[in-house]
Amino acid sequence: MAYQSEVIIDGQPQPAGTSYSFNSQGSWNSDLCDCCSDMGICLCAAFVPCILACRVAEQAGETCCLPFLPGSMIALRTGVRGKYRIQGSICDDWMVMSCCPLCGLCQMARELNRN
């Protein structure tokens, strides 16, 4: 017969949570109304915004069909902000994409092109 040692547990295991700390939060590389700073993006947004939205979604790592879902551009803007640690809130994203969606789309496109 083999000898078995006795194991004494003197504490309960604790859950290991994941914590994230962001040391700094930046800002967008361009202002919301700087649409004409990149004329290619500006013209694309003015005449074929669906193509620009698909391109932005793909650059952000999403499917090209994402812009055709209601509310998805708000989520995409929130995702871009999170990825590049840009300060703001989902309320800010909602306001921008509801009140001036083409300017918001241009701003996301410029941000993704610069990063």
PDB file of N, CA and C in Angstrom:
ATOM      1  N   MET A   1       0.823  -1.157   0.000  1.00  0.00           N
ATOM      2  CA  MET A   1       0.000   0.000   0.000  1.00  0.00           C
ATOM      3  C   MET A   1       0.886   1.244   0.000  1.00  0.00           C
ATOM      4  N   ALA A   2       0.498   2.211  -0.878  1.00  0.00           N
ATOM      5  CA  ALA A   2       1.289   3.434  -1.008  1.00  0.00           C
ATOM      6  C   ALA A   2       0.884   4.444   0.059  1.00  0.00           C
ATOM      7  N   TYR A   3       1.851   5.171   0.507  1.00  0.00           N
ATOM      8  CA  TYR A   3       1.628   6.180   1.532  1.00  0.00           C
ATOM      9  C   TYR A   3       1.116   7.460   0.865  1.00  0.00           C
ATOM     10  N   GLN A   4       0.013   8.019   1.330  1.00  0.00           N
ATOM     11  CA  GLN A   4      -0.545   9.260   0.803  1.00  0.00           C
ATOM     12  C   GLN A   4      -0.356  10.356   1.842  1.00  0.00           C
ATOM     13  N   SER A   5       0.151  11.487   1.375  1.00  0.00           N
ATOM     14  CA  SER A   5       0.345  12.591   2.315  1.00  0.00           C
ATOM     15  C   SER A   5      -0.953  13.364   2.476  1.00  0.00           C
ATOM     16  N   GLU A   6      -1.133  13.949   3.611  1.00  0.00           N
ATOM     17  CA  GLU A   6      -2.332  14.708   3.901  1.00  0.00           C
ATOM     18  C   GLU A   6      -2.106  16.165   3.516  1.00  0.00           C
ATOM     19  N   VAL A   7      -3.033  16.730   2.735  1.00  0.00           N
ATOM     20  CA  VAL A   7      -2.946  18.117   2.289  1.00  0.00           C
ATOM     21  C   VAL A   7      -3.961  18.931   3.083  1.00  0.00           C
ATOM     22  N   ILE A   8      -3.495  19.980   3.682  1.00  0.00           N
ATOM     23  CA  ILE A   8      -4.368  20.853   4.455  1.00  0.00           C
ATOM     24  C   ILE A   8      -4.527  22.164   3.695  1.00  0.00           C
ATOM     25  N   ILE A   9      -5.776  22.519   3.429  1.00  0.00           N
ATOM     26  CA  ILE A   9      -6.078  23.781   2.755  1.00  0.00           C
ATOM     27  C   ILE A   9      -6.486  24.775   3.822  1.00  0.00           C
ATOM     28  N   ASP A  10      -5.724  25.850   3.908  1.00  0.00           N
ATOM     29  CA  ASP A  10      -6.014  26.816   4.963  1.00  0.00           C
ATOM     30  C   ASP A  10      -6.679  28.097   4.459  1.00  0.00           C
ATOM     31  N   GLY A  11      -7.017  28.171   3.183  1.00  0.00           N
ATOM     32  CA  GLY A  11      -7.689  29.353   2.649  1.00  0.00           C
ATOM     33  C   GLY A  11      -8.428  29.004   1.372  1.00  0.00           C
ATOM     34  N   GLN A  12      -9.397  29.792   1.054  1.00  0.00           N
ATOM     35  CA  GLN A  12     -10.163  29.587  -0.164  1.00  0.00           C
ATOM     36  C   GLN A  12      -9.475  30.295  -1.329  1.00  0.00           C
ATOM     37  N   PRO A  13      -9.547  29.699  -2.508  1.00  0.00           N
ATOM     38  CA  PRO A  13      -8.977  30.388  -3.672  1.00  0.00           C
ATOM     39  C   PRO A  13      -9.788  31.642  -3.989  1.00  0.00           C
ATOM     40  N   GLN A  14      -9.099  32.669  -4.399  1.00  0.00           N
ATOM     41  CA  GLN A  14      -9.728  33.939  -4.712  1.00  0.00           C
ATOM     42  C   GLN A  14      -9.814  34.098  -6.224  1.00  0.00           C
ATOM     43  N   PRO A  15     -10.876  34.714  -6.713  1.00  0.00           N
ATOM     44  CA  PRO A  15     -10.981  34.923  -8.154  1.00  0.00           C
ATOM     45  C   PRO A  15      -9.904  35.887  -8.635  1.00  0.00           C
ATOM     46  N   ALA A  16      -9.339  35.550  -9.757  1.00  0.00           N
ATOM     47  CA  ALA A  16      -8.317  36.413 -10.353  1.00  0.00           C
ATOM     48  C   ALA A  16      -8.994  37.291 -11.387  1.00  0.00           C
ATOM     49  N   GLY A  17      -9.219  38.529 -11.055  1.00  0.00           N
ATOM     50  CA  GLY A  17      -9.867  39.466 -11.967  1.00  0.00           C
ATOM     51  C   GLY A  17      -8.849  40.123 -12.877  1.00  0.00           C
ATOM     52  N   THR A  18      -9.317  40.523 -14.006  1.00  0.00           N
ATOM     53  CA  THR A  18      -8.465  41.239 -14.939  1.00  0.00           C
ATOM     54  C   THR A  18      -8.682  42.726 -14.733  1.00  0.00           C
ATOM     55  N   SER A  19      -7.622  43.427 -14.526  1.00  0.00           N
ATOM     56  CA  SER A  19      -7.752  44.876 -14.369  1.00  0.00           C
ATOM     57  C   SER A  19      -6.964  45.564 -15.468  1.00  0.00           C
ATOM     58  N   TYR A  20      -7.536  46.629 -15.936  1.00  0.00           N
ATOM     59  CA  TYR A  20      -6.898  47.417 -16.976  1.00  0.00           C
ATOM     60  C   TYR A  20      -6.637  48.803 -16.416  1.00  0.00           C
ATOM     61  N   SER A  21      -5.480  49.306 -16.706  1.00  0.00           N
ATOM     62  CA  SER A  21      -5.218  50.684 -16.299  1.00  0.00           C
ATOM     63  C   SER A  21      -4.701  51.441 -17.506  1.00  0.00           C
ATOM     64  N   PHE A  22      -5.340  52.530 -17.772  1.00  0.00           N
ATOM     65  CA  PHE A  22      -4.931  53.374 -18.874  1.00  0.00           C
ATOM     66  C   PHE A  22      -4.216  54.570 -18.278  1.00  0.00           C
ATOM     67  N   ASN A  23      -2.957  54.693 -18.613  1.00  0.00           N
ATOM     68  CA  ASN A  23      -2.173  55.772 -18.034  1.00  0.00           C
ATOM     69  C   ASN A  23      -2.562  57.133 -18.582  1.00  0.00           C
ATOM     70  N   SER A  24      -2.884  57.151 -19.839  1.00  0.00           N
ATOM     71  CA  SER A  24      -3.240  58.438 -20.418  1.00  0.00           C
ATOM     72  C   SER A  24      -4.329  58.245 -21.456  1.00  0.00           C
ATOM     73  N   GLN A  25      -5.130  59.251 -21.589  1.00  0.00           N
ATOM     74  CA  GLN A  25      -6.140  59.234 -22.620  1.00  0.00           C
ATOM     75  C   GLN A  25      -5.858  60.396 -23.543  1.00  0.00           C
ATOM     76  N   GLY A  26      -5.847  60.092 -24.808  1.00  0.00           N
ATOM     77  CA  GLY A  26      -5.540  61.115 -25.783  1.00  0.00           C
ATOM     78  C   GLY A  26      -6.787  61.735 -26.368  1.00  0.00           C
ATOM     79  N   SER A  27      -6.594  62.377 -27.469  1.00  0.00           N
ATOM     80  CA  SER A  27      -7.716  62.995 -28.162  1.00  0.00           C
ATOM     81  C   SER A  27      -7.626  62.600 -29.631  1.00  0.00           C
ATOM     82  N   TRP A  28      -8.646  62.926 -30.366  1.00  0.00           N
ATOM     83  CA  TRP A  28      -8.656  62.630 -31.793  1.00  0.00           C
ATOM     84  C   TRP A  28      -7.515  63.397 -32.465  1.00  0.00           C
ATOM     85  N   ASN A  29      -6.947  62.812 -33.501  1.00  0.00           N
ATOM     86  CA  ASN A  29      -5.865  63.470 -34.229  1.00  0.00           C
ATOM     87  C   ASN A  29      -6.359  64.694 -35.004  1.00  0.00           C
ATOM     88  N   SER A  30      -7.641  64.737 -35.290  1.00  0.00           N
ATOM     89  CA  SER A  30      -8.206  65.887 -35.999  1.00  0.00           C
ATOM     90  C   SER A  30      -9.548  66.230 -35.374  1.00  0.00           C
ATOM     91  N   ASP A  31      -9.957  67.460 -35.554  1.00  0.00           N
ATOM     92  CA  ASP A  31     -11.237  67.896 -35.004  1.00  0.00           C
ATOM     93  C   ASP A  31     -12.384  67.332 -35.834  1.00  0.00           C
ATOM     94  N   LEU A  32     -13.559  67.378 -35.260  1.00  0.00           N
ATOM     95  CA  LEU A  32     -14.748  66.853 -35.923  1.00  0.00           C
ATOM     96  C   LEU A  32     -15.037  67.584 -37.235  1.00  0.00           C
ATOM     97  N   CYS A  33     -14.815  68.881 -37.261  1.00  0.00           N
ATOM     98  CA  CYS A  33     -15.137  69.680 -38.455  1.00  0.00           C
ATOM     99  C   CYS A  33     -13.946  69.886 -39.384  1.00  0.00           C
ATOM    100  N   ASP A  34     -12.910  69.079 -39.242  1.00  0.00           N
ATOM    101  CA  ASP A  34     -11.748  69.155 -40.145  1.00  0.00           C
ATOM    102  C   ASP A  34     -11.941  68.270 -41.370  1.00  0.00           C
ATOM    103  N   CYS A  35     -13.157  68.176 -41.858  1.00  0.00           N
ATOM    104  CA  CYS A  35     -13.468  67.269 -42.962  1.00  0.00           C
ATOM    105  C   CYS A  35     -12.610  67.531 -44.199  1.00  0.00           C
ATOM    106  N   CYS A  36     -12.327  68.789 -44.477  1.00  0.00           N
ATOM    107  CA  CYS A  36     -11.593  69.124 -45.692  1.00  0.00           C
ATOM    108  C   CYS A  36     -10.086  68.992 -45.543  1.00  0.00           C
ATOM    109  N   SER A  37      -9.609  68.561 -44.393  1.00  0.00           N
ATOM    110  CA  SER A  37      -8.161  68.381 -44.235  1.00  0.00           C
ATOM    111  C   SER A  37      -7.669  67.202 -45.059  1.00  0.00           C
ATOM    112  N   ASP A  38      -8.548  66.274 -45.405  1.00  0.00           N
ATOM    113  CA  ASP A  38      -8.227  65.170 -46.310  1.00  0.00           C
ATOM    114  C   ASP A  38      -9.333  65.155 -47.361  1.00  0.00           C
ATOM    115  N   MET A  39      -9.050  65.729 -48.510  1.00  0.00           N
ATOM    116  CA  MET A  39     -10.087  65.898 -49.526  1.00  0.00           C
ATOM    117  C   MET A  39     -10.608  64.573 -50.075  1.00  0.00           C
ATOM    118  N   GLY A  40      -9.774  63.554 -50.118  1.00  0.00           N
ATOM    119  CA  GLY A  40     -10.233  62.243 -50.592  1.00  0.00           C
ATOM    120  C   GLY A  40     -11.315  61.676 -49.703  1.00  0.00           C
ATOM    121  N   ILE A  41     -11.076  61.732 -48.411  1.00  0.00           N
ATOM    122  CA  ILE A  41     -12.061  61.248 -47.440  1.00  0.00           C
ATOM    123  C   ILE A  41     -13.307  62.124 -47.492  1.00  0.00           C
ATOM    124  N   CYS A  42     -13.113  63.427 -47.598  1.00  0.00           N
ATOM    125  CA  CYS A  42     -14.232  64.369 -47.627  1.00  0.00           C
ATOM    126  C   CYS A  42     -15.149  64.104 -48.829  1.00  0.00           C
ATOM    127  N   LEU A  43     -14.555  63.951 -50.009  1.00  0.00           N
ATOM    128  CA  LEU A  43     -15.346  63.712 -51.214  1.00  0.00           C
ATOM    129  C   LEU A  43     -16.032  62.352 -51.174  1.00  0.00           C
ATOM    130  N   CYS A  44     -15.340  61.351 -50.645  1.00  0.00           N
ATOM    131  CA  CYS A  44     -15.933  60.023 -50.523  1.00  0.00           C
ATOM    132  C   CYS A  44     -17.137  60.063 -49.584  1.00  0.00           C
ATOM    133  N   ALA A  45     -17.022  60.780 -48.477  1.00  0.00           N
ATOM    134  CA  ALA A  45     -18.134  60.898 -47.531  1.00  0.00           C
ATOM    135  C   ALA A  45     -19.295  61.679 -48.137  1.00  0.00           C
ATOM    136  N   ALA A  46     -18.989  62.667 -48.964  1.00  0.00           N
ATOM    137  CA  ALA A  46     -20.035  63.494 -49.553  1.00  0.00           C
ATOM    138  C   ALA A  46     -20.826  62.755 -50.628  1.00  0.00           C
ATOM    139  N   PHE A  47     -20.134  61.942 -51.432  1.00  0.00           N
ATOM    140  CA  PHE A  47     -20.805  61.332 -52.577  1.00  0.00           C
ATOM    141  C   PHE A  47     -21.117  59.840 -52.423  1.00  0.00           C
ATOM    142  N   VAL A  48     -20.291  59.105 -51.708  1.00  0.00           N
ATOM    143  CA  VAL A  48     -20.536  57.666 -51.496  1.00  0.00           C
ATOM    144  C   VAL A  48     -20.206  57.288 -50.050  1.00  0.00           C
ATOM    145  N   PRO A  49     -20.980  57.805 -49.101  1.00  0.00           N
ATOM    146  CA  PRO A  49     -20.668  57.549 -47.694  1.00  0.00           C
ATOM    147  C   PRO A  49     -20.715  56.065 -47.312  1.00  0.00           C
ATOM    148  N   CYS A  50     -21.525  55.277 -48.010  1.00  0.00           N
ATOM    149  CA  CYS A  50     -21.602  53.853 -47.674  1.00  0.00           C
ATOM    150  C   CYS A  50     -20.273  53.152 -47.951  1.00  0.00           C
ATOM    151  N   ILE A  51     -19.565  53.566 -48.997  1.00  0.00           N
ATOM    152  CA  ILE A  51     -18.261  52.968 -49.306  1.00  0.00           C
ATOM    153  C   ILE A  51     -17.236  53.372 -48.246  1.00  0.00           C
ATOM    154  N   LEU A  52     -17.247  54.635 -47.855  1.00  0.00           N
ATOM    155  CA  LEU A  52     -16.327  55.085 -46.811  1.00  0.00           C
ATOM    156  C   LEU A  52     -16.625  54.375 -45.491  1.00  0.00           C
ATOM    157  N   ALA A  53     -17.901  54.207 -45.170  1.00  0.00           N
ATOM    158  CA  ALA A  53     -18.274  53.521 -43.928  1.00  0.00           C
ATOM    159  C   ALA A  53     -17.795  52.071 -43.946  1.00  0.00           C
ATOM    160  N   CYS A  54     -17.914  51.400 -45.074  1.00  0.00           N
ATOM    161  CA  CYS A  54     -17.417  50.019 -45.187  1.00  0.00           C
ATOM    162  C   CYS A  54     -15.906  49.975 -45.021  1.00  0.00           C
ATOM    163  N   ARG A  55     -15.218  50.929 -45.624  1.00  0.00           N
ATOM    164  CA  ARG A  55     -13.761  50.972 -45.508  1.00  0.00           C
ATOM    165  C   ARG A  55     -13.317  51.223 -44.065  1.00  0.00           C
ATOM    166  N   VAL A  56     -14.001  52.122 -43.387  1.00  0.00           N
ATOM    167  CA  VAL A  56     -13.682  52.417 -41.986  1.00  0.00           C
ATOM    168  C   VAL A  56     -13.926  51.174 -41.129  1.00  0.00           C
ATOM    169  N   ALA A  57     -15.039  50.503 -41.361  1.00  0.00           N
ATOM    170  CA  ALA A  57     -15.350  49.290 -40.597  1.00  0.00           C
ATOM    171  C   ALA A  57     -14.279  48.222 -40.804  1.00  0.00           C
ATOM    172  N   GLU A  58     -13.854  48.027 -42.036  1.00  0.00           N
ATOM    173  CA  GLU A  58     -12.819  47.024 -42.316  1.00  0.00           C
ATOM    174  C   GLU A  58     -11.492  47.415 -41.684  1.00  0.00           C
ATOM    175  N   GLN A  59     -11.126  48.695 -41.730  1.00  0.00           N
ATOM    176  CA  GLN A  59      -9.881  49.142 -41.106  1.00  0.00           C
ATOM    177  C   GLN A  59      -9.924  48.966 -39.597  1.00  0.00           C
ATOM    178  N   ALA A  60     -11.118  49.029 -39.018  1.00  0.00           N
ATOM    179  CA  ALA A  60     -11.269  48.849 -37.576  1.00  0.00           C
ATOM    180  C   ALA A  60     -11.364  47.372 -37.203  1.00  0.00           C
ATOM    181  N   GLY A  61     -11.293  46.489 -38.202  1.00  0.00           N
ATOM    182  CA  GLY A  61     -11.332  45.055 -37.934  1.00  0.00           C
ATOM    183  C   GLY A  61     -12.724  44.459 -37.902  1.00  0.00           C
ATOM    184  N   GLU A  62     -13.689  45.169 -38.445  1.00  0.00           N
ATOM    185  CA  GLU A  62     -15.071  44.686 -38.471  1.00  0.00           C
ATOM    186  C   GLU A  62     -15.452  44.299 -39.884  1.00  0.00           C
ATOM    187  N   THR A  63     -16.628  43.727 -40.026  1.00  0.00           N
ATOM    188  CA  THR A  63     -17.117  43.347 -41.341  1.00  0.00           C
ATOM    189  C   THR A  63     -17.622  44.568 -42.102  1.00  0.00           C
ATOM    190  N   CYS A  64     -17.572  44.478 -43.402  1.00  0.00           N
ATOM    191  CA  CYS A  64     -18.010  45.589 -44.253  1.00  0.00           C
ATOM    192  C   CYS A  64     -19.520  45.824 -44.132  1.00  0.00           C
ATOM    193  N   CYS A  65     -20.244  44.835 -43.702  1.00  0.00           N
ATOM    194  CA  CYS A  65     -21.705  44.975 -43.573  1.00  0.00           C
ATOM    195  C   CYS A  65     -22.114  45.731 -42.314  1.00  0.00           C
ATOM    196  N   LEU A  66     -21.189  45.948 -41.394  1.00  0.00           N
ATOM    197  CA  LEU A  66     -21.516  46.594 -40.118  1.00  0.00           C
ATOM    198  C   LEU A  66     -22.223  47.939 -40.282  1.00  0.00           C
ATOM    199  N   PRO A  67     -21.783  48.822 -41.170  1.00  0.00           N
ATOM    200  CA  PRO A  67     -22.438  50.138 -41.259  1.00  0.00           C
ATOM    201  C   PRO A  67     -23.916  50.086 -41.658  1.00  0.00           C
ATOM    202  N   PHE A  68     -24.375  48.962 -42.170  1.00  0.00           N
ATOM    203  CA  PHE A  68     -25.763  48.874 -42.600  1.00  0.00           C
ATOM    204  C   PHE A  68     -26.707  48.457 -41.471  1.00  0.00           C
ATOM    205  N   LEU A  69     -26.154  48.166 -40.301  1.00  0.00           N
ATOM    206  CA  LEU A  69     -26.979  47.824 -39.146  1.00  0.00           C
ATOM    207  C   LEU A  69     -27.305  49.093 -38.357  1.00  0.00           C
ATOM    208  N   PRO A  70     -28.546  49.257 -37.938  1.00  0.00           N
ATOM    209  CA  PRO A  70     -28.916  50.466 -37.179  1.00  0.00           C
ATOM    210  C   PRO A  70     -28.097  50.607 -35.892  1.00  0.00           C
ATOM    211  N   GLY A  71     -27.556  51.778 -35.685  1.00  0.00           N
ATOM    212  CA  GLY A  71     -26.794  52.061 -34.473  1.00  0.00           C
ATOM    213  C   GLY A  71     -25.363  51.564 -34.476  1.00  0.00           C
ATOM    214  N   SER A  72     -24.981  50.885 -35.518  1.00  0.00           N
ATOM    215  CA  SER A  72     -23.645  50.276 -35.525  1.00  0.00           C
ATOM    216  C   SER A  72     -22.516  51.297 -35.643  1.00  0.00           C
ATOM    217  N   MET A  73     -22.782  52.429 -36.255  1.00  0.00           N
ATOM    218  CA  MET A  73     -21.718  53.419 -36.394  1.00  0.00           C
ATOM    219  C   MET A  73     -21.377  54.053 -35.047  1.00  0.00           C
ATOM    220  N   ILE A  74     -22.353  54.098 -34.147  1.00  0.00           N
ATOM    221  CA  ILE A  74     -22.078  54.584 -32.786  1.00  0.00           C
ATOM    222  C   ILE A  74     -21.140  53.592 -32.095  1.00  0.00           C
ATOM    223  N   ALA A  75     -21.461  52.300 -32.248  1.00  0.00           N
ATOM    224  CA  ALA A  75     -20.619  51.263 -31.646  1.00  0.00           C
ATOM    225  C   ALA A  75     -19.229  51.257 -32.277  1.00  0.00           C
ATOM    226  N   LEU A  76     -19.157  51.480 -33.579  1.00  0.00           N
ATOM    227  CA  LEU A  76     -17.861  51.507 -34.260  1.00  0.00           C
ATOM    228  C   LEU A  76     -17.020  52.677 -33.755  1.00  0.00           C
ATOM    229  N   ARG A  77     -17.647  53.833 -33.588  1.00  0.00           N
ATOM    230  CA  ARG A  77     -16.915  55.003 -33.077  1.00  0.00           C
ATOM    231  C   ARG A  77     -16.431  54.745 -31.651  1.00  0.00           C
ATOM    232  N   THR A  78     -17.261  54.118 -30.838  1.00  0.00           N
ATOM    233  CA  THR A  78     -16.867  53.769 -29.472  1.00  0.00           C
ATOM    234  C   THR A  78     -15.689  52.797 -29.497  1.00  0.00           C
ATOM    235  N   GLY A  79     -15.717  51.845 -30.421  1.00  0.00           N
ATOM    236  CA  GLY A  79     -14.612  50.893 -30.559  1.00  0.00           C
ATOM    237  C   GLY A  79     -13.316  51.558 -30.980  1.00  0.00           C
ATOM    238  N   VAL A  80     -13.392  52.487 -31.913  1.00  0.00           N
ATOM    239  CA  VAL A  80     -12.195  53.211 -32.358  1.00  0.00           C
ATOM    240  C   VAL A  80     -11.631  54.032 -31.206  1.00  0.00           C
ATOM    241  N   ARG A  81     -12.509  54.689 -30.445  1.00  0.00           N
ATOM    242  CA  ARG A  81     -12.049  55.457 -29.284  1.00  0.00           C
ATOM    243  C   ARG A  81     -11.343  54.565 -28.274  1.00  0.00           C
ATOM    244  N   GLY A  82     -11.910  53.394 -28.030  1.00  0.00           N
ATOM    245  CA  GLY A  82     -11.305  52.471 -27.072  1.00  0.00           C
ATOM    246  C   GLY A  82      -9.976  51.930 -27.548  1.00  0.00           C
ATOM    247  N   LYS A  83      -9.898  51.620 -28.830  1.00  0.00           N
ATOM    248  CA  LYS A  83      -8.668  51.059 -29.392  1.00  0.00           C
ATOM    249  C   LYS A  83      -7.505  52.034 -29.308  1.00  0.00           C
ATOM    250  N   TYR A  84      -7.768  53.293 -29.560  1.00  0.00           N
ATOM    251  CA  TYR A  84      -6.711  54.300 -29.560  1.00  0.00           C
ATOM    252  C   TYR A  84      -6.693  55.137 -28.285  1.00  0.00           C
ATOM    253  N   ARG A  85      -7.452  54.708 -27.291  1.00  0.00           N
ATOM    254  CA  ARG A  85      -7.502  55.370 -25.978  1.00  0.00           C
ATOM    255  C   ARG A  85      -7.808  56.858 -26.090  1.00  0.00           C
ATOM    256  N   ILE A  86      -8.857  57.140 -26.831  1.00  0.00           N
ATOM    257  CA  ILE A  86      -9.301  58.516 -27.005  1.00  0.00           C
ATOM    258  C   ILE A  86     -10.391  58.782 -25.972  1.00  0.00           C
ATOM    259  N   GLN A  87     -10.244  59.872 -25.262  1.00  0.00           N
ATOM    260  CA  GLN A  87     -11.222  60.152 -24.215  1.00  0.00           C
ATOM    261  C   GLN A  87     -12.561  60.531 -24.825  1.00  0.00           C
ATOM    262  N   GLY A  88     -13.595  60.283 -24.072  1.00  0.00           N
ATOM    263  CA  GLY A  88     -14.951  60.555 -24.513  1.00  0.00           C
ATOM    264  C   GLY A  88     -15.896  59.561 -23.874  1.00  0.00           C
ATOM    265  N   SER A  89     -17.131  59.595 -24.291  1.00  0.00           N
ATOM    266  CA  SER A  89     -18.120  58.673 -23.740  1.00  0.00           C
ATOM    267  C   SER A  89     -19.026  58.186 -24.853  1.00  0.00           C
ATOM    268  N   ILE A  90     -19.806  57.180 -24.533  1.00  0.00           N
ATOM    269  CA  ILE A  90     -20.743  56.667 -25.528  1.00  0.00           C
ATOM    270  C   ILE A  90     -21.808  57.719 -25.845  1.00  0.00           C
ATOM    271  N   CYS A  91     -22.095  58.596 -24.889  1.00  0.00           N
ATOM    272  CA  CYS A  91     -23.037  59.694 -25.148  1.00  0.00           C
ATOM    273  C   CYS A  91     -22.460  60.661 -26.178  1.00  0.00           C
ATOM    274  N   ASP A  92     -21.161  60.940 -26.065  1.00  0.00           N
ATOM    275  CA  ASP A  92     -20.500  61.794 -27.068  1.00  0.00           C
ATOM    276  C   ASP A  92     -20.586  61.145 -28.441  1.00  0.00           C
ATOM    277  N   ASP A  93     -20.328  59.831 -28.478  1.00  0.00           N
ATOM    278  CA  ASP A  93     -20.375  59.112 -29.752  1.00  0.00           C
ATOM    279  C   ASP A  93     -21.776  59.159 -30.351  1.00  0.00           C
ATOM    280  N   TRP A  94     -22.780  58.988 -29.493  1.00  0.00           N
ATOM    281  CA  TRP A  94     -24.156  59.037 -29.964  1.00  0.00           C
ATOM    282  C   TRP A  94     -24.487  60.414 -30.534  1.00  0.00           C
ATOM    283  N   MET A  95     -24.072  61.465 -29.833  1.00  0.00           N
ATOM    284  CA  MET A  95     -24.349  62.825 -30.313  1.00  0.00           C
ATOM    285  C   MET A  95     -23.697  63.089 -31.666  1.00  0.00           C
ATOM    286  N   VAL A  96     -22.426  62.707 -31.781  1.00  0.00           N
ATOM    287  CA  VAL A  96     -21.710  62.955 -33.030  1.00  0.00           C
ATOM    288  C   VAL A  96     -22.344  62.183 -34.178  1.00  0.00           C
ATOM    289  N   MET A  97     -22.590  60.888 -33.974  1.00  0.00           N
ATOM    290  CA  MET A  97     -23.087  60.061 -35.073  1.00  0.00           C
ATOM    291  C   MET A  97     -24.568  60.307 -35.357  1.00  0.00           C
ATOM    292  N   SER A  98     -25.284  60.954 -34.442  1.00  0.00           N
ATOM    293  CA  SER A  98     -26.687  61.286 -34.681  1.00  0.00           C
ATOM    294  C   SER A  98     -26.848  62.668 -35.307  1.00  0.00           C
ATOM    295  N   CYS A  99     -26.031  63.624 -34.870  1.00  0.00           N
ATOM    296  CA  CYS A  99     -26.173  65.003 -35.337  1.00  0.00           C
ATOM    297  C   CYS A  99     -25.365  65.312 -36.593  1.00  0.00           C
ATOM    298  N   CYS A 100     -24.170  64.773 -36.691  1.00  0.00           N
ATOM    299  CA  CYS A 100     -23.343  65.028 -37.880  1.00  0.00           C
ATOM    300  C   CYS A 100     -22.582  63.743 -38.244  1.00  0.00           C
ATOM    301  N   PRO A 101     -23.318  62.757 -38.763  1.00  0.00           N
ATOM    302  CA  PRO A 101     -22.711  61.453 -39.033  1.00  0.00           C
ATOM    303  C   PRO A 101     -21.586  61.472 -40.066  1.00  0.00           C
ATOM    304  N   LEU A 102     -21.688  62.331 -41.066  1.00  0.00           N
ATOM    305  CA  LEU A 102     -20.629  62.354 -42.080  1.00  0.00           C
ATOM    306  C   LEU A 102     -19.337  62.938 -41.522  1.00  0.00           C
ATOM    307  N   CYS A 103     -19.448  63.949 -40.681  1.00  0.00           N
ATOM    308  CA  CYS A 103     -18.250  64.505 -40.036  1.00  0.00           C
ATOM    309  C   CYS A 103     -17.627  63.466 -39.110  1.00  0.00           C
ATOM    310  N   GLY A 104     -18.456  62.742 -38.378  1.00  0.00           N
ATOM    311  CA  GLY A 104     -17.950  61.684 -37.503  1.00  0.00           C
ATOM    312  C   GLY A 104     -17.287  60.566 -38.285  1.00  0.00           C
ATOM    313  N   LEU A 105     -17.876  60.216 -39.423  1.00  0.00           N
ATOM    314  CA  LEU A 105     -17.305  59.190 -40.280  1.00  0.00           C
ATOM    315  C   LEU A 105     -15.952  59.632 -40.825  1.00  0.00           C
ATOM    316  N   CYS A 106     -15.865  60.880 -41.269  1.00  0.00           N
ATOM    317  CA  CYS A 106     -14.588  61.420 -41.766  1.00  0.00           C
ATOM    318  C   CYS A 106     -13.530  61.426 -40.662  1.00  0.00           C
ATOM    319  N   GLN A 107     -13.926  61.810 -39.459  1.00  0.00           N
ATOM    320  CA  GLN A 107     -12.984  61.846 -38.345  1.00  0.00           C
ATOM    321  C   GLN A 107     -12.454  60.442 -38.033  1.00  0.00           C
ATOM    322  N   MET A 108     -13.331  59.435 -38.050  1.00  0.00           N
ATOM    323  CA  MET A 108     -12.873  58.057 -37.815  1.00  0.00           C
ATOM    324  C   MET A 108     -11.932  57.599 -38.921  1.00  0.00           C
ATOM    325  N   ALA A 109     -12.258  57.936 -40.170  1.00  0.00           N
ATOM    326  CA  ALA A 109     -11.407  57.539 -41.299  1.00  0.00           C
ATOM    327  C   ALA A 109     -10.028  58.170 -41.180  1.00  0.00           C
ATOM    328  N   ARG A 110      -9.965  59.453 -40.832  1.00  0.00           N
ATOM    329  CA  ARG A 110      -8.668  60.115 -40.668  1.00  0.00           C
ATOM    330  C   ARG A 110      -7.882  59.501 -39.522  1.00  0.00           C
ATOM    331  N   GLU A 111      -8.553  59.174 -38.430  1.00  0.00           N
ATOM    332  CA  GLU A 111      -7.886  58.565 -37.269  1.00  0.00           C
ATOM    333  C   GLU A 111      -7.290  57.208 -37.641  1.00  0.00           C
ATOM    334  N   LEU A 112      -8.057  56.405 -38.341  1.00  0.00           N
ATOM    335  CA  LEU A 112      -7.581  55.069 -38.724  1.00  0.00           C
ATOM    336  C   LEU A 112      -6.447  55.158 -39.746  1.00  0.00           C
ATOM    337  N   ASN A 113      -6.483  56.158 -40.614  1.00  0.00           N
ATOM    338  CA  ASN A 113      -5.398  56.322 -41.595  1.00  0.00           C
ATOM    339  C   ASN A 113      -4.100  56.762 -40.940  1.00  0.00           C
ATOM    340  N   ARG A 114      -4.196  57.543 -39.868  1.00  0.00           N
ATOM    341  CA  ARG A 114      -2.986  58.051 -39.208  1.00  0.00           C
ATOM    342  C   ARG A 114      -2.373  57.044 -38.254  1.00  0.00           C
ATOM    343  N   ASN A 115      -3.146  56.050 -37.839  1.00  0.00           N
ATOM    344  CA  ASN A 115      -2.631  55.052 -36.886  1.00  0.00           C
ATOM    345  C   ASN A 115      -2.359  53.739 -37.557  1.00  0.00           C
TER     346      ASN A 115
END
